[in-house]
Amino acid sequence: MSSHTSSNDRRARIEQMRRAEQARERRNRFLTVGISAVVVAALVGFGGYVLNKESQEKEEKEAAAKAPVKGEQTWDAQELGRNHVQTPVSYEMRPPVGGDHNPVWMNCDGDVYTEEIPEVNAVHSLEHGAVWVTYTEAAGAGEVKKLAAKVEKTPFSLMSPYADQKGAIMLSAWGKQVTVDSADDPRVDQFFTKYLQGPQTPEPGAACTGGLGGK
């Protein structure tokens, strides 16, 4: 009788252990499914956030490219000379935004020059679709540093001091120019967005490396 009772007790304990194991497996399955659902939902949500952000940034850039730049000066791009010359050129605007120029362009692959550069070479860079950032001693060191950081990470742009200009900070593209007082002026980003390889560019896609100067 005692042996039979012990056998029944063992079977009961084994059955209890089996049910407990099954319960743990069910809990683990539920937990796994729950975590997977949360992860999938998070990934979907993050993907949607990234897509929405990219879409919003694209729309903002497109809007900036269409909107006029406040205070901008414009010259008829078709009337600006484009001859290659080896002689000095007298430009009507300072800095120049177009006209006859040297056959060799200034390197403009995010190049920051700490000394003044030849106008006749910089104008050739504008013809290739570059944006030229210039500044005088009136621009604070902090402003110059911020602008340099932007130019350095932006292909088809260049920067240099230019003493003989009216504004402390000026941005020039082919036939376009604007004066700003600060590197944080929203027109800086707008000008880059609108005119870097913009529709005013006579030779879009032409090289900005292999010219004069360098980093």
N, C-alpha and C. Protein backbone atom coordinates (compact mmCIF):
# COMPACT_ATOMS: atom_id res chain seq x y z
N MET A 1 0.83 -1.20 0.00
CA MET A 1 0.00 0.00 0.00
C MET A 1 0.86 1.25 0.00
N SER A 2 1.90 1.20 0.84
CA SER A 2 2.82 2.34 0.96
C SER A 2 3.53 2.59 -0.36
N SER A 3 3.93 1.50 -1.04
CA SER A 3 4.62 1.64 -2.33
C SER A 3 3.68 2.23 -3.37
N HIS A 4 2.44 1.81 -3.36
CA HIS A 4 1.46 2.33 -4.31
C HIS A 4 1.23 3.82 -4.09
N THR A 5 1.15 4.21 -2.81
CA THR A 5 0.94 5.62 -2.47
C THR A 5 2.12 6.47 -2.94
N SER A 6 3.35 5.95 -2.73
CA SER A 6 4.56 6.68 -3.15
C SER A 6 4.58 6.87 -4.65
N SER A 7 4.15 5.82 -5.38
CA SER A 7 4.12 5.90 -6.82
C SER A 7 3.12 6.95 -7.29
N ASN A 8 1.96 6.98 -6.62
CA ASN A 8 0.97 7.99 -6.96
C ASN A 8 1.48 9.40 -6.68
N ASP A 9 2.19 9.52 -5.55
CA ASP A 9 2.75 10.84 -5.18
C ASP A 9 3.77 11.32 -6.22
N ARG A 10 4.61 10.37 -6.70
CA ARG A 10 5.61 10.73 -7.70
C ARG A 10 4.94 11.18 -8.99
N ARG A 11 3.90 10.39 -9.41
CA ARG A 11 3.20 10.76 -10.62
C ARG A 11 2.54 12.13 -10.47
N ALA A 12 2.00 12.41 -9.28
CA ALA A 12 1.34 13.70 -9.04
C ALA A 12 2.35 14.84 -9.12
N ARG A 13 3.54 14.59 -8.52
CA ARG A 13 4.58 15.64 -8.55
C ARG A 13 5.07 15.87 -9.98
N ILE A 14 5.24 14.75 -10.73
CA ILE A 14 5.68 14.86 -12.12
C ILE A 14 4.66 15.63 -12.95
N GLU A 15 3.36 15.29 -12.73
CA GLU A 15 2.30 15.98 -13.44
C GLU A 15 2.26 17.47 -13.08
N GLN A 16 2.49 17.75 -11.80
CA GLN A 16 2.51 19.15 -11.35
C GLN A 16 3.68 19.91 -11.99
N MET A 17 4.83 19.23 -12.04
CA MET A 17 6.00 19.85 -12.65
C MET A 17 5.77 20.07 -14.15
N ARG A 18 5.11 19.09 -14.81
CA ARG A 18 4.83 19.21 -16.23
C ARG A 18 3.91 20.39 -16.51
N ARG A 19 2.86 20.52 -15.66
CA ARG A 19 1.93 21.64 -15.84
C ARG A 19 2.63 22.98 -15.59
N ALA A 20 3.51 22.99 -14.60
CA ALA A 20 4.25 24.23 -14.31
C ALA A 20 5.16 24.62 -15.47
N GLU A 21 5.80 23.59 -16.08
CA GLU A 21 6.67 23.84 -17.23
C GLU A 21 5.86 24.36 -18.42
N GLN A 22 4.70 23.75 -18.64
CA GLN A 22 3.83 24.21 -19.72
C GLN A 22 3.38 25.65 -19.50
N ALA A 23 3.08 25.97 -18.24
CA ALA A 23 2.66 27.34 -17.91
C ALA A 23 3.80 28.33 -18.18
N ARG A 24 5.05 27.91 -17.81
CA ARG A 24 6.20 28.79 -18.07
C ARG A 24 6.40 28.99 -19.57
N GLU A 25 6.25 27.90 -20.35
CA GLU A 25 6.40 28.01 -21.79
C GLU A 25 5.36 28.94 -22.40
N ARG A 26 4.12 28.84 -21.90
CA ARG A 26 3.07 29.73 -22.39
C ARG A 26 3.39 31.19 -22.07
N ARG A 27 3.86 31.41 -20.81
CA ARG A 27 4.22 32.78 -20.42
C ARG A 27 5.36 33.31 -21.29
N ASN A 28 6.35 32.43 -21.55
CA ASN A 28 7.49 32.86 -22.38
C ASN A 28 7.04 33.18 -23.80
N ARG A 29 6.11 32.36 -24.34
CA ARG A 29 5.61 32.62 -25.68
C ARG A 29 4.86 33.95 -25.74
N PHE A 30 4.00 34.16 -24.72
CA PHE A 30 3.26 35.42 -24.67
C PHE A 30 4.21 36.61 -24.55
N LEU A 31 5.25 36.43 -23.71
CA LEU A 31 6.22 37.50 -23.51
C LEU A 31 6.98 37.79 -24.80
N THR A 32 7.39 36.70 -25.49
CA THR A 32 8.12 36.87 -26.74
C THR A 32 7.27 37.57 -27.79
N VAL A 33 6.03 37.10 -27.91
CA VAL A 33 5.12 37.72 -28.88
C VAL A 33 4.87 39.18 -28.53
N GLY A 34 4.69 39.45 -27.23
CA GLY A 34 4.44 40.83 -26.80
C GLY A 34 5.61 41.74 -27.09
N ILE A 35 6.84 41.26 -26.77
CA ILE A 35 8.03 42.06 -27.02
C ILE A 35 8.22 42.28 -28.52
N SER A 36 7.98 41.22 -29.31
CA SER A 36 8.13 41.34 -30.76
C SER A 36 7.16 42.38 -31.31
N ALA A 37 5.94 42.35 -30.79
CA ALA A 37 4.93 43.31 -31.25
C ALA A 37 5.36 44.73 -30.92
N VAL A 38 5.90 44.91 -29.71
CA VAL A 38 6.34 46.24 -29.29
C VAL A 38 7.50 46.71 -30.17
N VAL A 39 8.46 45.78 -30.44
CA VAL A 39 9.61 46.14 -31.27
C VAL A 39 9.17 46.50 -32.68
N VAL A 40 8.29 45.68 -33.25
CA VAL A 40 7.80 45.95 -34.60
C VAL A 40 7.08 47.29 -34.65
N ALA A 41 6.23 47.54 -33.65
CA ALA A 41 5.50 48.81 -33.60
C ALA A 41 6.46 49.98 -33.49
N ALA A 42 7.52 49.80 -32.68
CA ALA A 42 8.50 50.87 -32.51
C ALA A 42 9.25 51.13 -33.81
N LEU A 43 9.63 50.03 -34.51
CA LEU A 43 10.35 50.18 -35.77
C LEU A 43 9.47 50.85 -36.82
N VAL A 44 8.22 50.43 -36.87
CA VAL A 44 7.30 51.04 -37.82
C VAL A 44 7.11 52.51 -37.50
N GLY A 45 6.94 52.80 -36.20
CA GLY A 45 6.77 54.19 -35.79
C GLY A 45 7.99 55.04 -36.09
N PHE A 46 9.20 54.47 -35.83
CA PHE A 46 10.44 55.21 -36.09
C PHE A 46 10.62 55.42 -37.58
N GLY A 47 10.32 54.35 -38.36
CA GLY A 47 10.43 54.48 -39.81
C GLY A 47 9.50 55.56 -40.34
N GLY A 48 8.29 55.59 -39.80
CA GLY A 48 7.34 56.62 -40.21
C GLY A 48 7.82 58.00 -39.83
N TYR A 49 8.43 58.09 -38.63
CA TYR A 49 8.95 59.38 -38.16
C TYR A 49 10.06 59.87 -39.09
N VAL A 50 10.98 58.94 -39.45
CA VAL A 50 12.10 59.31 -40.33
C VAL A 50 11.59 59.75 -41.70
N LEU A 51 10.63 58.98 -42.25
CA LEU A 51 10.08 59.33 -43.55
C LEU A 51 9.37 60.68 -43.52
N ASN A 52 8.61 60.90 -42.44
CA ASN A 52 7.91 62.18 -42.30
C ASN A 52 8.89 63.34 -42.17
N LYS A 53 9.97 63.09 -41.40
CA LYS A 53 10.97 64.14 -41.21
C LYS A 53 11.66 64.45 -42.53
N GLU A 54 12.04 63.39 -43.27
CA GLU A 54 12.69 63.60 -44.56
C GLU A 54 11.77 64.32 -45.52
N SER A 55 10.50 63.93 -45.51
CA SER A 55 9.52 64.58 -46.38
C SER A 55 9.35 66.04 -46.02
N GLN A 56 9.32 66.32 -44.71
CA GLN A 56 9.16 67.70 -44.25
C GLN A 56 10.37 68.54 -44.63
N GLU A 57 11.58 67.97 -44.45
CA GLU A 57 12.80 68.69 -44.81
C GLU A 57 12.84 68.97 -46.31
N LYS A 58 12.41 67.99 -47.11
CA LYS A 58 12.38 68.18 -48.56
C LYS A 58 11.42 69.29 -48.93
N GLU A 59 10.24 69.30 -48.29
CA GLU A 59 9.25 70.34 -48.57
C GLU A 59 9.77 71.72 -48.16
N GLU A 60 10.47 71.77 -47.01
CA GLU A 60 11.02 73.05 -46.55
C GLU A 60 12.08 73.56 -47.52
N LYS A 61 12.93 72.66 -48.04
CA LYS A 61 13.96 73.06 -49.00
C LYS A 61 13.33 73.54 -50.30
N GLU A 62 12.30 72.83 -50.73
CA GLU A 62 11.63 73.23 -51.96
C GLU A 62 10.96 74.60 -51.80
N ALA A 63 10.38 74.82 -50.61
CA ALA A 63 9.74 76.11 -50.34
C ALA A 63 10.78 77.22 -50.30
N ALA A 64 11.93 76.94 -49.67
CA ALA A 64 13.00 77.94 -49.59
C ALA A 64 13.56 78.26 -50.97
N ALA A 65 13.62 77.24 -51.83
CA ALA A 65 14.15 77.44 -53.18
C ALA A 65 13.20 78.30 -54.02
N LYS A 66 11.91 78.25 -53.71
CA LYS A 66 10.93 79.01 -54.48
C LYS A 66 10.75 80.43 -53.94
N ALA A 67 10.92 80.60 -52.64
CA ALA A 67 10.68 81.90 -52.02
C ALA A 67 11.79 82.89 -52.36
N PRO A 68 11.47 84.17 -52.53
CA PRO A 68 12.50 85.17 -52.79
C PRO A 68 13.36 85.41 -51.55
N VAL A 69 14.62 85.71 -51.76
CA VAL A 69 15.54 86.01 -50.66
C VAL A 69 15.42 87.50 -50.35
N LYS A 70 15.01 87.82 -49.14
CA LYS A 70 14.80 89.20 -48.75
C LYS A 70 16.10 90.00 -48.87
N GLY A 71 16.03 91.16 -49.54
CA GLY A 71 17.20 92.03 -49.68
C GLY A 71 18.18 91.61 -50.75
N GLU A 72 17.81 90.61 -51.51
CA GLU A 72 18.72 90.10 -52.54
C GLU A 72 18.85 91.07 -53.72
N GLN A 73 20.05 91.15 -54.27
CA GLN A 73 20.29 91.89 -55.50
C GLN A 73 20.45 90.90 -56.65
N THR A 74 19.91 91.26 -57.80
CA THR A 74 19.93 90.35 -58.94
C THR A 74 20.42 91.06 -60.19
N TRP A 75 21.25 90.38 -60.95
CA TRP A 75 21.71 90.84 -62.25
C TRP A 75 21.27 89.81 -63.29
N ASP A 76 20.98 90.26 -64.47
CA ASP A 76 20.56 89.36 -65.54
C ASP A 76 21.71 88.42 -65.90
N ALA A 77 21.53 87.14 -65.59
CA ALA A 77 22.60 86.17 -65.82
C ALA A 77 23.00 86.09 -67.28
N GLN A 78 22.04 86.33 -68.17
CA GLN A 78 22.33 86.22 -69.60
C GLN A 78 23.17 87.39 -70.10
N GLU A 79 23.14 88.50 -69.37
CA GLU A 79 23.88 89.68 -69.81
C GLU A 79 25.28 89.77 -69.21
N LEU A 80 25.55 88.92 -68.23
CA LEU A 80 26.89 88.91 -67.64
C LEU A 80 27.86 88.22 -68.59
N GLY A 81 29.00 88.86 -68.82
CA GLY A 81 29.99 88.27 -69.72
C GLY A 81 30.50 86.94 -69.21
N ARG A 82 30.88 86.08 -70.13
CA ARG A 82 31.39 84.76 -69.74
C ARG A 82 32.64 84.38 -70.52
N ASN A 83 33.32 85.38 -71.06
CA ASN A 83 34.53 85.10 -71.82
C ASN A 83 35.68 84.73 -70.90
N HIS A 84 36.54 83.84 -71.37
CA HIS A 84 37.75 83.49 -70.64
C HIS A 84 38.86 84.45 -71.07
N VAL A 85 39.41 85.15 -70.10
CA VAL A 85 40.44 86.15 -70.38
C VAL A 85 41.63 85.96 -69.45
N GLN A 86 42.78 86.39 -69.90
CA GLN A 86 44.00 86.31 -69.10
C GLN A 86 44.35 87.67 -68.48
N THR A 87 43.56 88.68 -68.78
CA THR A 87 43.84 90.04 -68.31
C THR A 87 42.93 90.39 -67.12
N PRO A 88 43.29 91.43 -66.36
CA PRO A 88 42.42 91.85 -65.25
C PRO A 88 41.05 92.28 -65.76
N VAL A 89 40.04 92.12 -64.91
CA VAL A 89 38.67 92.49 -65.26
C VAL A 89 38.15 93.47 -64.22
N SER A 90 37.51 94.54 -64.70
CA SER A 90 36.90 95.52 -63.80
C SER A 90 35.42 95.17 -63.65
N TYR A 91 35.03 94.78 -62.46
CA TYR A 91 33.65 94.35 -62.21
C TYR A 91 32.81 95.48 -61.64
N GLU A 92 31.54 95.53 -62.00
CA GLU A 92 30.67 96.61 -61.54
C GLU A 92 30.16 96.39 -60.12
N MET A 93 30.23 95.17 -59.61
CA MET A 93 29.77 94.87 -58.25
C MET A 93 30.91 94.24 -57.46
N ARG A 94 30.85 94.44 -56.13
CA ARG A 94 31.90 93.90 -55.26
C ARG A 94 31.28 93.19 -54.07
N PRO A 95 31.54 91.90 -53.94
CA PRO A 95 32.28 91.03 -54.85
C PRO A 95 31.54 90.83 -56.17
N PRO A 96 32.24 90.44 -57.21
CA PRO A 96 31.57 90.23 -58.49
C PRO A 96 30.68 88.99 -58.46
N VAL A 97 29.60 89.03 -59.24
CA VAL A 97 28.69 87.89 -59.30
C VAL A 97 28.63 87.30 -60.71
N GLY A 98 29.56 87.72 -61.56
CA GLY A 98 29.59 87.22 -62.92
C GLY A 98 30.39 88.15 -63.81
N GLY A 99 30.60 87.75 -65.01
CA GLY A 99 31.37 88.54 -65.95
C GLY A 99 32.50 87.72 -66.54
N ASP A 100 33.29 88.34 -67.39
CA ASP A 100 34.45 87.66 -67.95
C ASP A 100 35.37 87.22 -66.82
N HIS A 101 36.09 86.14 -67.03
CA HIS A 101 36.88 85.60 -65.93
C HIS A 101 38.04 84.75 -66.44
N ASN A 102 38.92 84.40 -65.53
CA ASN A 102 40.09 83.59 -65.86
C ASN A 102 39.67 82.17 -66.25
N PRO A 103 40.41 81.54 -67.14
CA PRO A 103 40.06 80.18 -67.54
C PRO A 103 40.13 79.16 -66.40
N VAL A 104 40.87 79.49 -65.34
CA VAL A 104 41.01 78.57 -64.21
C VAL A 104 40.11 79.02 -63.06
N TRP A 105 39.32 78.13 -62.53
CA TRP A 105 38.43 78.45 -61.41
C TRP A 105 39.16 78.29 -60.08
N MET A 106 38.63 78.92 -59.03
CA MET A 106 39.10 78.66 -57.67
C MET A 106 38.48 77.35 -57.21
N ASN A 107 39.26 76.54 -56.53
CA ASN A 107 38.68 75.32 -55.96
C ASN A 107 37.54 75.72 -55.02
N CYS A 108 36.42 75.04 -55.18
CA CYS A 108 35.23 75.42 -54.42
C CYS A 108 34.51 74.20 -53.86
N ASP A 109 35.29 73.22 -53.45
CA ASP A 109 34.72 72.00 -52.87
C ASP A 109 34.71 72.12 -51.35
N GLY A 110 34.04 73.19 -50.87
CA GLY A 110 34.05 73.46 -49.43
C GLY A 110 35.35 74.09 -48.98
N ASP A 111 35.97 74.86 -49.87
CA ASP A 111 37.28 75.46 -49.56
C ASP A 111 37.12 76.78 -48.81
N VAL A 112 37.84 76.90 -47.68
CA VAL A 112 37.85 78.12 -46.88
C VAL A 112 39.23 78.74 -46.98
N TYR A 113 39.29 79.94 -47.56
CA TYR A 113 40.56 80.65 -47.73
C TYR A 113 40.67 81.74 -46.67
N THR A 114 41.82 81.85 -46.06
CA THR A 114 42.03 82.82 -45.00
C THR A 114 42.59 84.14 -45.52
N GLU A 115 42.95 84.18 -46.81
CA GLU A 115 43.41 85.40 -47.44
C GLU A 115 42.56 85.67 -48.68
N GLU A 116 42.56 86.91 -49.14
CA GLU A 116 41.76 87.26 -50.31
C GLU A 116 42.22 86.45 -51.52
N ILE A 117 41.26 86.14 -52.38
CA ILE A 117 41.54 85.32 -53.56
C ILE A 117 41.26 86.14 -54.82
N PRO A 118 41.85 85.77 -55.94
CA PRO A 118 41.63 86.53 -57.19
C PRO A 118 40.17 86.48 -57.63
N GLU A 119 39.61 87.64 -57.87
CA GLU A 119 38.21 87.72 -58.30
C GLU A 119 37.97 86.95 -59.60
N VAL A 120 38.91 87.08 -60.53
CA VAL A 120 38.71 86.48 -61.85
C VAL A 120 38.62 84.96 -61.79
N ASN A 121 39.21 84.36 -60.75
CA ASN A 121 39.11 82.91 -60.58
C ASN A 121 37.85 82.53 -59.80
N ALA A 122 37.51 83.37 -58.82
CA ALA A 122 36.30 83.10 -58.04
C ALA A 122 35.04 83.19 -58.91
N VAL A 123 35.03 84.13 -59.85
CA VAL A 123 33.87 84.27 -60.74
C VAL A 123 33.69 83.01 -61.58
N HIS A 124 34.79 82.41 -61.96
CA HIS A 124 34.69 81.15 -62.72
C HIS A 124 34.02 80.07 -61.86
N SER A 125 34.30 80.07 -60.56
CA SER A 125 33.66 79.12 -59.64
C SER A 125 32.15 79.35 -59.61
N LEU A 126 31.75 80.64 -59.61
CA LEU A 126 30.32 80.95 -59.62
C LEU A 126 29.67 80.42 -60.89
N GLU A 127 30.39 80.50 -61.99
CA GLU A 127 29.87 79.98 -63.25
C GLU A 127 29.58 78.48 -63.16
N HIS A 128 30.32 77.80 -62.29
CA HIS A 128 30.13 76.36 -62.11
C HIS A 128 29.03 76.05 -61.09
N GLY A 129 28.41 77.09 -60.55
CA GLY A 129 27.31 76.87 -59.60
C GLY A 129 27.69 76.98 -58.15
N ALA A 130 28.85 77.56 -57.86
CA ALA A 130 29.28 77.69 -56.47
C ALA A 130 28.63 78.91 -55.79
N VAL A 131 28.57 78.83 -54.46
CA VAL A 131 28.20 79.98 -53.63
C VAL A 131 29.48 80.46 -52.96
N TRP A 132 29.73 81.77 -53.06
CA TRP A 132 30.95 82.37 -52.52
C TRP A 132 30.58 83.23 -51.32
N VAL A 133 31.10 82.86 -50.15
CA VAL A 133 30.87 83.60 -48.92
C VAL A 133 32.07 84.51 -48.68
N THR A 134 31.82 85.80 -48.51
CA THR A 134 32.90 86.75 -48.26
C THR A 134 32.59 87.57 -47.01
N TYR A 135 33.64 88.10 -46.38
CA TYR A 135 33.44 88.84 -45.14
C TYR A 135 34.55 89.88 -44.96
N THR A 136 34.26 90.89 -44.15
CA THR A 136 35.25 91.92 -43.83
C THR A 136 35.65 91.80 -42.36
N GLU A 137 36.50 92.70 -41.93
CA GLU A 137 36.93 92.69 -40.52
C GLU A 137 35.78 93.02 -39.57
N ALA A 138 34.71 93.59 -40.12
CA ALA A 138 33.55 93.92 -39.28
C ALA A 138 32.80 92.67 -38.82
N ALA A 139 33.00 91.56 -39.49
CA ALA A 139 32.36 90.30 -39.09
C ALA A 139 33.11 89.74 -37.89
N GLY A 140 32.38 89.38 -36.86
CA GLY A 140 33.02 88.83 -35.66
C GLY A 140 33.67 87.48 -35.92
N ALA A 141 34.66 87.16 -35.09
CA ALA A 141 35.37 85.89 -35.25
C ALA A 141 34.43 84.70 -35.13
N GLY A 142 33.44 84.81 -34.24
CA GLY A 142 32.48 83.73 -34.07
C GLY A 142 31.64 83.51 -35.31
N GLU A 143 31.25 84.61 -35.95
CA GLU A 143 30.45 84.51 -37.16
C GLU A 143 31.26 83.87 -38.29
N VAL A 144 32.51 84.28 -38.40
CA VAL A 144 33.39 83.72 -39.43
C VAL A 144 33.58 82.22 -39.20
N LYS A 145 33.73 81.82 -37.96
CA LYS A 145 33.92 80.41 -37.63
C LYS A 145 32.69 79.58 -38.01
N LYS A 146 31.51 80.10 -37.72
CA LYS A 146 30.26 79.39 -38.06
C LYS A 146 30.12 79.24 -39.57
N LEU A 147 30.40 80.32 -40.29
CA LEU A 147 30.29 80.27 -41.75
C LEU A 147 31.31 79.30 -42.34
N ALA A 148 32.52 79.31 -41.79
CA ALA A 148 33.56 78.41 -42.28
C ALA A 148 33.14 76.95 -42.08
N ALA A 149 32.52 76.66 -40.93
CA ALA A 149 32.07 75.29 -40.66
C ALA A 149 31.01 74.85 -41.67
N LYS A 150 30.14 75.77 -42.04
CA LYS A 150 29.10 75.45 -43.03
C LYS A 150 29.72 75.21 -44.40
N VAL A 151 30.62 76.09 -44.79
CA VAL A 151 31.24 75.97 -46.12
C VAL A 151 32.05 74.68 -46.22
N GLU A 152 32.79 74.36 -45.17
CA GLU A 152 33.67 73.19 -45.21
C GLU A 152 32.92 71.88 -45.46
N LYS A 153 31.67 71.82 -45.07
CA LYS A 153 30.90 70.60 -45.27
C LYS A 153 29.95 70.71 -46.48
N THR A 154 30.14 71.74 -47.30
CA THR A 154 29.24 71.97 -48.42
C THR A 154 30.00 72.01 -49.75
N PRO A 155 29.89 70.96 -50.56
CA PRO A 155 30.50 71.00 -51.89
C PRO A 155 29.92 72.15 -52.72
N PHE A 156 30.69 72.65 -53.65
CA PHE A 156 30.31 73.79 -54.49
C PHE A 156 30.11 75.06 -53.67
N SER A 157 31.00 75.26 -52.71
CA SER A 157 31.01 76.53 -51.97
C SER A 157 32.45 76.87 -51.64
N LEU A 158 32.69 78.15 -51.43
CA LEU A 158 34.01 78.63 -51.04
C LEU A 158 33.83 79.88 -50.20
N MET A 159 34.87 80.24 -49.47
CA MET A 159 34.79 81.37 -48.54
C MET A 159 36.14 82.06 -48.47
N SER A 160 36.11 83.39 -48.39
CA SER A 160 37.36 84.14 -48.28
C SER A 160 37.08 85.54 -47.75
N PRO A 161 38.08 86.19 -47.15
CA PRO A 161 37.91 87.59 -46.77
C PRO A 161 37.86 88.47 -48.01
N TYR A 162 37.16 89.60 -47.91
CA TYR A 162 37.04 90.53 -49.04
C TYR A 162 36.86 91.92 -48.43
N ALA A 163 37.96 92.67 -48.40
CA ALA A 163 37.95 93.95 -47.69
C ALA A 163 37.06 95.00 -48.35
N ASP A 164 37.01 95.00 -49.67
CA ASP A 164 36.32 96.07 -50.40
C ASP A 164 34.87 95.70 -50.73
N GLN A 165 34.09 95.44 -49.69
CA GLN A 165 32.67 95.19 -49.87
C GLN A 165 31.89 95.96 -48.80
N LYS A 166 30.65 96.29 -49.09
CA LYS A 166 29.86 97.14 -48.19
C LYS A 166 29.41 96.41 -46.94
N GLY A 167 28.97 95.17 -47.08
CA GLY A 167 28.44 94.43 -45.94
C GLY A 167 29.51 93.64 -45.20
N ALA A 168 29.25 93.36 -43.92
CA ALA A 168 30.19 92.57 -43.13
C ALA A 168 30.28 91.14 -43.67
N ILE A 169 29.12 90.60 -44.07
CA ILE A 169 29.06 89.25 -44.62
C ILE A 169 28.21 89.29 -45.88
N MET A 170 28.72 88.73 -46.96
CA MET A 170 27.96 88.72 -48.22
C MET A 170 28.04 87.34 -48.84
N LEU A 171 26.96 86.94 -49.49
CA LEU A 171 26.90 85.68 -50.20
C LEU A 171 26.63 85.97 -51.67
N SER A 172 27.42 85.34 -52.54
CA SER A 172 27.29 85.59 -53.97
C SER A 172 27.16 84.27 -54.73
N ALA A 173 26.30 84.32 -55.74
CA ALA A 173 26.18 83.25 -56.73
C ALA A 173 26.13 83.94 -58.08
N TRP A 174 26.10 83.19 -59.16
CA TRP A 174 26.10 83.82 -60.48
C TRP A 174 24.83 84.68 -60.63
N GLY A 175 25.03 86.01 -60.70
CA GLY A 175 23.92 86.94 -60.88
C GLY A 175 23.11 87.22 -59.62
N LYS A 176 23.53 86.70 -58.47
CA LYS A 176 22.78 86.86 -57.22
C LYS A 176 23.71 87.26 -56.08
N GLN A 177 23.17 88.09 -55.17
CA GLN A 177 23.98 88.51 -54.03
C GLN A 177 23.09 89.00 -52.90
N VAL A 178 23.48 88.69 -51.66
CA VAL A 178 22.74 89.18 -50.50
C VAL A 178 23.73 89.50 -49.38
N THR A 179 23.38 90.50 -48.58
CA THR A 179 24.20 90.91 -47.44
C THR A 179 23.48 90.51 -46.15
N VAL A 180 24.22 89.92 -45.22
CA VAL A 180 23.65 89.55 -43.93
C VAL A 180 24.59 90.03 -42.83
N ASP A 181 24.05 90.12 -41.62
CA ASP A 181 24.87 90.57 -40.49
C ASP A 181 25.34 89.43 -39.60
N SER A 182 24.74 88.25 -39.79
CA SER A 182 25.02 87.14 -38.90
C SER A 182 25.02 85.82 -39.65
N ALA A 183 25.84 84.89 -39.17
CA ALA A 183 25.86 83.55 -39.76
C ALA A 183 24.56 82.81 -39.49
N ASP A 184 23.83 83.25 -38.46
CA ASP A 184 22.57 82.60 -38.10
C ASP A 184 21.36 83.17 -38.84
N ASP A 185 21.60 84.18 -39.67
CA ASP A 185 20.50 84.73 -40.46
C ASP A 185 19.92 83.62 -41.34
N PRO A 186 18.61 83.38 -41.28
CA PRO A 186 18.00 82.29 -42.07
C PRO A 186 18.23 82.43 -43.56
N ARG A 187 18.55 83.63 -44.02
CA ARG A 187 18.81 83.82 -45.45
C ARG A 187 20.09 83.12 -45.90
N VAL A 188 20.98 82.82 -44.96
CA VAL A 188 22.21 82.11 -45.33
C VAL A 188 21.85 80.72 -45.87
N ASP A 189 21.09 79.96 -45.07
CA ASP A 189 20.67 78.63 -45.52
C ASP A 189 19.80 78.72 -46.76
N GLN A 190 18.94 79.73 -46.80
CA GLN A 190 18.05 79.88 -47.95
C GLN A 190 18.85 80.14 -49.23
N PHE A 191 19.85 81.00 -49.12
CA PHE A 191 20.68 81.33 -50.29
C PHE A 191 21.41 80.09 -50.80
N PHE A 192 21.97 79.32 -49.87
CA PHE A 192 22.65 78.08 -50.25
C PHE A 192 21.68 77.13 -50.94
N THR A 193 20.51 76.95 -50.33
CA THR A 193 19.51 76.03 -50.88
C THR A 193 19.06 76.46 -52.27
N LYS A 194 18.87 77.75 -52.43
CA LYS A 194 18.31 78.28 -53.66
C LYS A 194 19.32 78.34 -54.81
N TYR A 195 20.57 78.67 -54.51
CA TYR A 195 21.52 78.97 -55.59
C TYR A 195 22.72 78.03 -55.71
N LEU A 196 22.94 77.15 -54.76
CA LEU A 196 24.01 76.17 -54.91
C LEU A 196 23.64 75.23 -56.05
N GLN A 197 24.35 75.32 -57.17
CA GLN A 197 23.99 74.56 -58.36
C GLN A 197 22.55 74.88 -58.79
N GLY A 198 22.13 76.11 -58.54
CA GLY A 198 20.77 76.53 -58.81
C GLY A 198 20.50 76.76 -60.29
N PRO A 199 19.26 77.15 -60.61
CA PRO A 199 18.87 77.34 -62.01
C PRO A 199 19.61 78.48 -62.71
N GLN A 200 20.21 79.37 -61.94
CA GLN A 200 20.95 80.49 -62.53
C GLN A 200 22.34 80.08 -63.01
N THR A 201 22.75 78.86 -62.66
CA THR A 201 24.11 78.38 -62.96
C THR A 201 24.32 78.19 -64.46
N PRO A 202 25.31 78.87 -65.04
CA PRO A 202 25.57 78.70 -66.48
C PRO A 202 26.11 77.31 -66.82
N GLU A 203 26.95 76.76 -65.94
CA GLU A 203 27.57 75.45 -66.21
C GLU A 203 27.36 74.50 -65.03
N PRO A 204 26.13 74.07 -64.78
CA PRO A 204 25.87 73.18 -63.64
C PRO A 204 26.62 71.87 -63.77
N GLY A 205 27.20 71.42 -62.66
CA GLY A 205 27.91 70.15 -62.65
C GLY A 205 29.36 70.24 -63.04
N ALA A 206 29.81 71.42 -63.50
CA ALA A 206 31.23 71.57 -63.84
C ALA A 206 32.08 71.45 -62.57
N ALA A 207 33.34 71.16 -62.75
CA ALA A 207 34.20 70.83 -61.62
C ALA A 207 34.40 71.99 -60.64
N CYS A 208 34.59 71.61 -59.37
CA CYS A 208 34.97 72.59 -58.35
C CYS A 208 36.29 72.19 -57.70
N THR A 209 36.94 71.20 -58.26
CA THR A 209 38.27 70.79 -57.83
C THR A 209 39.20 70.84 -59.04
N GLY A 210 40.50 70.73 -58.78
CA GLY A 210 41.45 70.74 -59.87
C GLY A 210 41.74 72.12 -60.42
N GLY A 211 41.29 73.15 -59.68
CA GLY A 211 41.53 74.51 -60.13
C GLY A 211 42.66 75.17 -59.35
N LEU A 212 42.49 76.45 -59.06
CA LEU A 212 43.48 77.21 -58.33
C LEU A 212 43.23 77.11 -56.83
N GLY A 213 44.32 77.02 -56.05
CA GLY A 213 44.18 76.98 -54.60
C GLY A 213 43.92 75.57 -54.12
N GLY A 214 43.54 75.46 -52.87
CA GLY A 214 43.25 74.15 -52.30
C GLY A 214 43.24 74.24 -50.80
N LYS A 215 42.79 73.13 -50.19
CA LYS A 215 42.70 73.10 -48.73
C LYS A 215 44.08 72.86 -48.14
